[in-house]
Structure formats: C-alpha cells, structure tokens
Amino acid sequence: MTQGSGPRSMRYSIDEVLSGMLASITRNEFTDDVARLGAVFKTLSAKHSLLAPFAAVGGEADFSVVLKDALQKLVNKEFIHHEPGRYALTPKGRASCVSSKRMLFKATDVGQLEATACDFEEQLAV
C-alpha cells in the first residue's frame, strides 16, 4: 500500500484498487466518459467491497470526481493514456498493474478484483 495516496479502504487506496482492477480486464481501452464511469463504479461498489474507498469518498454523491482523480494518477504514472473519447492501458501500464496486483493484493482480494473487472466490462458493454 502506498502512503499519502488519498482516501483509503482498510487495505488499499483508490488508485491501487483501480490499478488492480485494470490488470484484470481483457480490453486495453475504455470510455473516458467520467460521468458514465462514475455511475458504473457506484453500482459496482454496492457489490464489491474492495470498491469501498469510492463509496467512502463519494458517499451517495457522484463518483466521477473521485474516479477522475484516480484515473489522472494512473495517467501521471503512464499506466494509461487519455485520448479523446477513451482511456488506453499502455503496455507498461498493463505490466505494472499485473505486477502490483500479484504483489499487493491477497488471494481473496485478487478474486474480487477479477470479479469486479468482469462486472466492469459487462457494464461498459451495455
């Protein structure tokens, strides 16, 4: 876990959870519609406890601001690129996310990250 990286669950920061989830998705691109992504994460946080940091910060409000900040951290680390209409996971980013997922998360949390990633991709396909 990184220190000073913003609001946290009991175990992981928001950007750590997002990175771990991105390591588990099959696609390399996803929408940059932060309002839509915020709504997806709000729905997912009710089902997946690892997304509790989003719920804790966002409460019943719009998750898009919290998500935008976490996505920007990943852009700054060059894990993802932001292009008009989409975010794209970089090869370096995928490798870093996968490595972090293996080293940072407990086995039970990895299973939850993978389930969250699957639900995330299903929500984006709708």
C-alpha atoms as a PDB file:
ATOM      1  CA  MET A   1       0.000   0.000   0.000  1.00  0.00           C
ATOM      2  CA  THR A   2       1.202   3.464  -0.762  1.00  0.00           C
ATOM      3  CA  GLN A   3       1.063   6.145   1.838  1.00  0.00           C
ATOM      4  CA  GLY A   4      -0.464   9.546   1.193  1.00  0.00           C
ATOM      5  CA  SER A   5      -2.299   8.488  -1.931  1.00  0.00           C
ATOM      6  CA  GLY A   6      -5.682   9.732  -0.879  1.00  0.00           C
ATOM      7  CA  PRO A   7      -8.700   8.184   0.797  1.00  0.00           C
ATOM      8  CA  ARG A   8      -8.257   4.524   1.640  1.00  0.00           C
ATOM      9  CA  SER A   9     -10.165   1.418   2.470  1.00  0.00           C
ATOM     10  CA  MET A  10      -8.840  -0.623   5.332  1.00  0.00           C
ATOM     11  CA  ARG A  11      -6.301  -2.124   2.933  1.00  0.00           C
ATOM     12  CA  TYR A  12      -5.870  -0.261  -0.356  1.00  0.00           C
ATOM     13  CA  SER A  13      -6.006   3.227  -1.853  1.00  0.00           C
ATOM     14  CA  ILE A  14      -8.417   4.087  -4.638  1.00  0.00           C
ATOM     15  CA  ASP A  15      -5.739   4.181  -7.317  1.00  0.00           C
ATOM     16  CA  GLU A  16      -4.330   0.822  -6.117  1.00  0.00           C
ATOM     17  CA  VAL A  17      -7.749  -0.792  -6.429  1.00  0.00           C
ATOM     18  CA  LEU A  18      -8.296   0.780  -9.847  1.00  0.00           C
ATOM     19  CA  SER A  19      -4.865  -0.404 -10.995  1.00  0.00           C
ATOM     20  CA  GLY A  20      -5.533  -3.932  -9.753  1.00  0.00           C
ATOM     21  CA  MET A  21      -8.872  -3.976 -11.479  1.00  0.00           C
ATOM     22  CA  LEU A  22      -7.331  -2.744 -14.749  1.00  0.00           C
ATOM     23  CA  ALA A  23      -4.814  -5.598 -14.529  1.00  0.00           C
ATOM     24  CA  SER A  24      -7.787  -7.953 -14.652  1.00  0.00           C
ATOM     25  CA  ILE A  25      -9.715  -6.528 -17.606  1.00  0.00           C
ATOM     26  CA  THR A  26      -9.365  -8.093 -21.041  1.00  0.00           C
ATOM     27  CA  ARG A  27      -9.714  -4.879 -23.024  1.00  0.00           C
ATOM     28  CA  ASN A  28      -6.995  -2.276 -23.364  1.00  0.00           C
ATOM     29  CA  GLU A  29      -9.367   0.657 -23.885  1.00  0.00           C
ATOM     30  CA  PHE A  30     -12.403   2.042 -22.154  1.00  0.00           C
ATOM     31  CA  THR A  31     -14.529   5.158 -22.349  1.00  0.00           C
ATOM     32  CA  ASP A  32     -13.366   8.471 -20.960  1.00  0.00           C
ATOM     33  CA  ASP A  33     -16.961   9.436 -20.130  1.00  0.00           C
ATOM     34  CA  VAL A  34     -16.234  10.028 -16.456  1.00  0.00           C
ATOM     35  CA  ALA A  35     -19.904  10.522 -15.591  1.00  0.00           C
ATOM     36  CA  ARG A  36     -20.710   7.105 -17.058  1.00  0.00           C
ATOM     37  CA  LEU A  37     -17.675   5.527 -15.375  1.00  0.00           C
ATOM     38  CA  GLY A  38     -18.696   7.117 -12.079  1.00  0.00           C
ATOM     39  CA  ALA A  39     -22.166   5.590 -12.368  1.00  0.00           C
ATOM     40  CA  VAL A  40     -20.636   2.185 -13.172  1.00  0.00           C
ATOM     41  CA  PHE A  41     -18.314   2.362 -10.167  1.00  0.00           C
ATOM     42  CA  LYS A  42     -21.152   3.455  -7.905  1.00  0.00           C
ATOM     43  CA  THR A  43     -23.104   0.368  -8.964  1.00  0.00           C
ATOM     44  CA  LEU A  44     -20.060  -1.884  -8.581  1.00  0.00           C
ATOM     45  CA  SER A  45     -19.213  -0.516  -5.127  1.00  0.00           C
ATOM     46  CA  ALA A  46     -22.526  -1.846  -3.814  1.00  0.00           C
ATOM     47  CA  LYS A  47     -21.484  -5.341  -4.906  1.00  0.00           C
ATOM     48  CA  HIS A  48     -17.696  -5.387  -4.379  1.00  0.00           C
ATOM     49  CA  SER A  49     -16.239  -4.357  -1.023  1.00  0.00           C
ATOM     50  CA  LEU A  50     -12.828  -3.542  -2.494  1.00  0.00           C
ATOM     51  CA  LEU A  51     -14.500  -0.521  -4.047  1.00  0.00           C
ATOM     52  CA  ALA A  52     -15.367   0.766  -0.583  1.00  0.00           C
ATOM     53  CA  PRO A  53     -12.885   3.658  -0.968  1.00  0.00           C
ATOM     54  CA  PHE A  54     -15.036   5.027  -3.806  1.00  0.00           C
ATOM     55  CA  ALA A  55     -18.149   4.706  -1.654  1.00  0.00           C
ATOM     56  CA  ALA A  56     -16.440   6.258   1.351  1.00  0.00           C
ATOM     57  CA  VAL A  57     -15.302   9.281  -0.618  1.00  0.00           C
ATOM     58  CA  GLY A  58     -18.254   9.543  -2.978  1.00  0.00           C
ATOM     59  CA  GLY A  59     -20.924   8.614  -0.476  1.00  0.00           C
ATOM     60  CA  GLU A  60     -24.256   8.906  -2.198  1.00  0.00           C
ATOM     61  CA  ALA A  61     -22.847  11.613  -4.438  1.00  0.00           C
ATOM     62  CA  ASP A  62     -21.350  11.414  -7.884  1.00  0.00           C
ATOM     63  CA  PHE A  63     -18.351   9.053  -8.020  1.00  0.00           C
ATOM     64  CA  SER A  64     -16.979  10.741 -11.151  1.00  0.00           C
ATOM     65  CA  VAL A  65     -14.759  13.242  -9.304  1.00  0.00           C
ATOM     66  CA  VAL A  66     -13.109  10.526  -7.216  1.00  0.00           C
ATOM     67  CA  LEU A  67     -12.678   8.335 -10.270  1.00  0.00           C
ATOM     68  CA  LYS A  68     -11.284  11.180 -12.364  1.00  0.00           C
ATOM     69  CA  ASP A  69      -8.615  11.822  -9.715  1.00  0.00           C
ATOM     70  CA  ALA A  70      -7.646   8.124  -9.585  1.00  0.00           C
ATOM     71  CA  LEU A  71      -7.519   7.899 -13.382  1.00  0.00           C
ATOM     72  CA  GLN A  72      -5.313  11.001 -13.503  1.00  0.00           C
ATOM     73  CA  LYS A  73      -2.858   9.349 -11.094  1.00  0.00           C
ATOM     74  CA  LEU A  74      -2.630   6.411 -13.494  1.00  0.00           C
ATOM     75  CA  VAL A  75      -2.128   8.809 -16.427  1.00  0.00           C
ATOM     76  CA  ASN A  76       0.652  10.553 -14.487  1.00  0.00           C
ATOM     77  CA  LYS A  77       2.336   7.175 -13.885  1.00  0.00           C
ATOM     78  CA  GLU A  78       1.949   6.459 -17.627  1.00  0.00           C
ATOM     79  CA  PHE A  79      -0.124   3.342 -16.889  1.00  0.00           C
ATOM     80  CA  ILE A  80      -2.892   4.712 -19.109  1.00  0.00           C
ATOM     81  CA  HIS A  81      -3.112   7.343 -21.830  1.00  0.00           C
ATOM     82  CA  HIS A  82      -6.045   9.696 -22.076  1.00  0.00           C
ATOM     83  CA  GLU A  83      -7.106  10.355 -25.637  1.00  0.00           C
ATOM     84  CA  PRO A  84     -10.302  11.994 -26.883  1.00  0.00           C
ATOM     85  CA  GLY A  85     -13.125   9.560 -26.161  1.00  0.00           C
ATOM     86  CA  ARG A  86     -11.101   6.920 -24.367  1.00  0.00           C
ATOM     87  CA  TYR A  87      -8.514   5.818 -21.874  1.00  0.00           C
ATOM     88  CA  ALA A  88      -5.999   3.273 -23.160  1.00  0.00           C
ATOM     89  CA  LEU A  89      -3.947   0.962 -20.987  1.00  0.00           C
ATOM     90  CA  THR A  90      -0.302   1.153 -22.071  1.00  0.00           C
ATOM     91  CA  PRO A  91       1.896  -1.944 -22.353  1.00  0.00           C
ATOM     92  CA  LYS A  92       3.995  -0.569 -19.471  1.00  0.00           C
ATOM     93  CA  GLY A  93       0.802   0.119 -17.548  1.00  0.00           C
ATOM     94  CA  ARG A  94      -0.589  -3.377 -18.026  1.00  0.00           C
ATOM     95  CA  ALA A  95       2.715  -4.902 -16.884  1.00  0.00           C
ATOM     96  CA  SER A  96       2.862  -2.596 -13.843  1.00  0.00           C
ATOM     97  CA  CYS A  97      -0.774  -3.220 -12.941  1.00  0.00           C
ATOM     98  CA  VAL A  98      -0.334  -7.003 -13.222  1.00  0.00           C
ATOM     99  CA  SER A  99       2.851  -6.899 -11.138  1.00  0.00           C
ATOM    100  CA  SER A 100       1.212  -4.733  -8.469  1.00  0.00           C
ATOM    101  CA  LYS A 101      -1.845  -6.973  -8.402  1.00  0.00           C
ATOM    102  CA  ARG A 102       0.347 -10.023  -7.747  1.00  0.00           C
ATOM    103  CA  MET A 103       2.461  -8.347  -5.079  1.00  0.00           C
ATOM    104  CA  LEU A 104      -0.020  -6.076  -3.323  1.00  0.00           C
ATOM    105  CA  PHE A 105      -3.289  -7.964  -3.113  1.00  0.00           C
ATOM    106  CA  LYS A 106      -4.133 -11.026  -1.053  1.00  0.00           C
ATOM    107  CA  ALA A 107      -5.515 -14.057  -2.915  1.00  0.00           C
ATOM    108  CA  THR A 108      -9.075 -13.365  -1.749  1.00  0.00           C
ATOM    109  CA  ASP A 109      -8.777  -9.773  -2.937  1.00  0.00           C
ATOM    110  CA  VAL A 110      -7.419 -10.886  -6.318  1.00  0.00           C
ATOM    111  CA  GLY A 111     -10.544 -12.976  -6.800  1.00  0.00           C
ATOM    112  CA  GLN A 112     -12.665  -9.946  -6.003  1.00  0.00           C
ATOM    113  CA  LEU A 113     -10.632  -7.727  -8.355  1.00  0.00           C
ATOM    114  CA  GLU A 114     -11.202 -10.217 -11.152  1.00  0.00           C
ATOM    115  CA  ALA A 115     -14.943 -10.374 -10.439  1.00  0.00           C
ATOM    116  CA  THR A 116     -15.083  -6.574 -10.333  1.00  0.00           C
ATOM    117  CA  ALA A 117     -13.196  -6.351 -13.644  1.00  0.00           C
ATOM    118  CA  CYS A 118     -15.638  -8.785 -15.241  1.00  0.00           C
ATOM    119  CA  ASP A 119     -18.610  -6.751 -13.993  1.00  0.00           C
ATOM    120  CA  PHE A 120     -16.904  -3.538 -15.138  1.00  0.00           C
ATOM    121  CA  GLU A 121     -16.513  -4.871 -18.672  1.00  0.00           C
ATOM    122  CA  GLU A 122     -20.114  -6.116 -18.710  1.00  0.00           C
ATOM    123  CA  GLN A 123     -21.366  -2.672 -17.611  1.00  0.00           C
ATOM    124  CA  LEU A 124     -19.352  -0.931 -20.314  1.00  0.00           C
ATOM    125  CA  ALA A 125     -20.725  -3.272 -22.972  1.00  0.00           C
ATOM    126  CA  VAL A 126     -24.306  -2.205 -22.193  1.00  0.00           C
END
